[in-house]
Amino acid sequence: MQTKFRVHEAAELLGLHPAHLYRLIRDGQITPKGQHPLYFTKDALRQHIRSRYKSFDYLFPEAQ
């Protein structure tokens, strides 16, 4: 399974427009792992989802 996601891939997985994902990066709400090129780990995406949707851990306890 893929463990690194570029901006467009991560945005698609999160259901966001890439410009919105860049805004979240700028605002410090999600942190990319790499800088050149920007990429996100699966754990970073999961952490962002947990912060946005408090019921994530309740619905998917095995994802902890």
C-alpha atoms as a PDB file:
ATOM      1  CA  MET A   1       0.000   0.000   0.000  1.00  0.00           C
ATOM      2  CA  GLN A   2       1.121   3.519  -0.754  1.00  0.00           C
ATOM      3  CA  THR A   3       2.590   5.384   2.229  1.00  0.00           C
ATOM      4  CA  LYS A   4       3.511   8.757   0.690  1.00  0.00           C
ATOM      5  CA  PHE A   5       1.066  11.059  -1.071  1.00  0.00           C
ATOM      6  CA  ARG A   6       1.830  14.141  -3.141  1.00  0.00           C
ATOM      7  CA  VAL A   7      -0.370  17.232  -2.726  1.00  0.00           C
ATOM      8  CA  HIS A   8      -2.867  16.367  -5.479  1.00  0.00           C
ATOM      9  CA  GLU A   9      -3.209  12.780  -4.236  1.00  0.00           C
ATOM     10  CA  ALA A  10      -3.632  13.859  -0.613  1.00  0.00           C
ATOM     11  CA  ALA A  11      -6.172  16.518  -1.579  1.00  0.00           C
ATOM     12  CA  GLU A  12      -8.191  13.948  -3.501  1.00  0.00           C
ATOM     13  CA  LEU A  13      -8.116  11.518  -0.560  1.00  0.00           C
ATOM     14  CA  LEU A  14      -9.288  14.257   1.819  1.00  0.00           C
ATOM     15  CA  GLY A  15     -11.947  15.487  -0.601  1.00  0.00           C
ATOM     16  CA  LEU A  16     -10.315  18.897  -0.938  1.00  0.00           C
ATOM     17  CA  HIS A  17      -9.169  21.109  -3.764  1.00  0.00           C
ATOM     18  CA  PRO A  18      -5.333  21.254  -3.841  1.00  0.00           C
ATOM     19  CA  ALA A  19      -5.483  25.029  -3.185  1.00  0.00           C
ATOM     20  CA  HIS A  20      -7.404  24.340   0.020  1.00  0.00           C
ATOM     21  CA  LEU A  21      -4.774  21.807   1.093  1.00  0.00           C
ATOM     22  CA  TYR A  22      -2.049  24.413   0.504  1.00  0.00           C
ATOM     23  CA  ARG A  23      -4.078  26.811   2.680  1.00  0.00           C
ATOM     24  CA  LEU A  24      -4.214  24.196   5.460  1.00  0.00           C
ATOM     25  CA  ILE A  25      -0.428  23.789   5.199  1.00  0.00           C
ATOM     26  CA  ARG A  26       0.071  27.561   5.399  1.00  0.00           C
ATOM     27  CA  ASP A  27      -2.236  27.789   8.429  1.00  0.00           C
ATOM     28  CA  GLY A  28      -0.404  24.955  10.205  1.00  0.00           C
ATOM     29  CA  GLN A  29      -3.405  22.608  10.273  1.00  0.00           C
ATOM     30  CA  ILE A  30      -1.579  19.842   8.403  1.00  0.00           C
ATOM     31  CA  THR A  31       2.167  19.347   8.101  1.00  0.00           C
ATOM     32  CA  PRO A  32       3.852  17.836   5.058  1.00  0.00           C
ATOM     33  CA  LYS A  33       6.726  15.430   5.626  1.00  0.00           C
ATOM     34  CA  GLY A  34       8.919  16.318   2.676  1.00  0.00           C
ATOM     35  CA  GLN A  35       9.618  19.777   1.335  1.00  0.00           C
ATOM     36  CA  HIS A  36      10.944  19.183  -2.192  1.00  0.00           C
ATOM     37  CA  PRO A  37       8.587  17.745  -3.333  1.00  0.00           C
ATOM     38  CA  LEU A  38       5.845  18.216  -0.754  1.00  0.00           C
ATOM     39  CA  TYR A  39       4.354  14.943   0.354  1.00  0.00           C
ATOM     40  CA  PHE A  40       2.280  13.584   3.217  1.00  0.00           C
ATOM     41  CA  THR A  41       2.445  10.325   5.064  1.00  0.00           C
ATOM     42  CA  LYS A  42      -0.607   8.205   5.694  1.00  0.00           C
ATOM     43  CA  ASP A  43      -0.243   9.001   9.413  1.00  0.00           C
ATOM     44  CA  ALA A  44      -0.272  12.771   8.749  1.00  0.00           C
ATOM     45  CA  LEU A  45      -3.485  12.430   6.745  1.00  0.00           C
ATOM     46  CA  ARG A  46      -5.035  10.228   9.422  1.00  0.00           C
ATOM     47  CA  GLN A  47      -4.080  12.766  12.116  1.00  0.00           C
ATOM     48  CA  HIS A  48      -5.707  15.569  10.130  1.00  0.00           C
ATOM     49  CA  ILE A  49      -8.905  13.543   9.770  1.00  0.00           C
ATOM     50  CA  ARG A  50      -8.888  12.835  13.522  1.00  0.00           C
ATOM     51  CA  SER A  51      -8.549  16.537  14.292  1.00  0.00           C
ATOM     52  CA  ARG A  52     -11.439  17.459  11.966  1.00  0.00           C
ATOM     53  CA  TYR A  53     -13.781  14.605  12.814  1.00  0.00           C
ATOM     54  CA  LYS A  54     -13.818  13.786  16.510  1.00  0.00           C
ATOM     55  CA  SER A  55     -15.885  10.630  15.916  1.00  0.00           C
ATOM     56  CA  PHE A  56     -13.124   9.034  13.788  1.00  0.00           C
ATOM     57  CA  ASP A  57     -11.606   7.116  16.717  1.00  0.00           C
ATOM     58  CA  TYR A  58     -15.025   5.943  17.824  1.00  0.00           C
ATOM     59  CA  LEU A  59     -15.996   4.717  14.352  1.00  0.00           C
ATOM     60  CA  PHE A  60     -12.595   3.228  13.461  1.00  0.00           C
ATOM     61  CA  PRO A  61     -10.831   2.145  16.666  1.00  0.00           C
ATOM     62  CA  GLU A  62      -8.595  -0.249  14.727  1.00  0.00           C
ATOM     63  CA  ALA A  63      -7.026   2.713  12.883  1.00  0.00           C
ATOM     64  CA  GLN A  64      -5.242   3.930  16.023  1.00  0.00           C
END
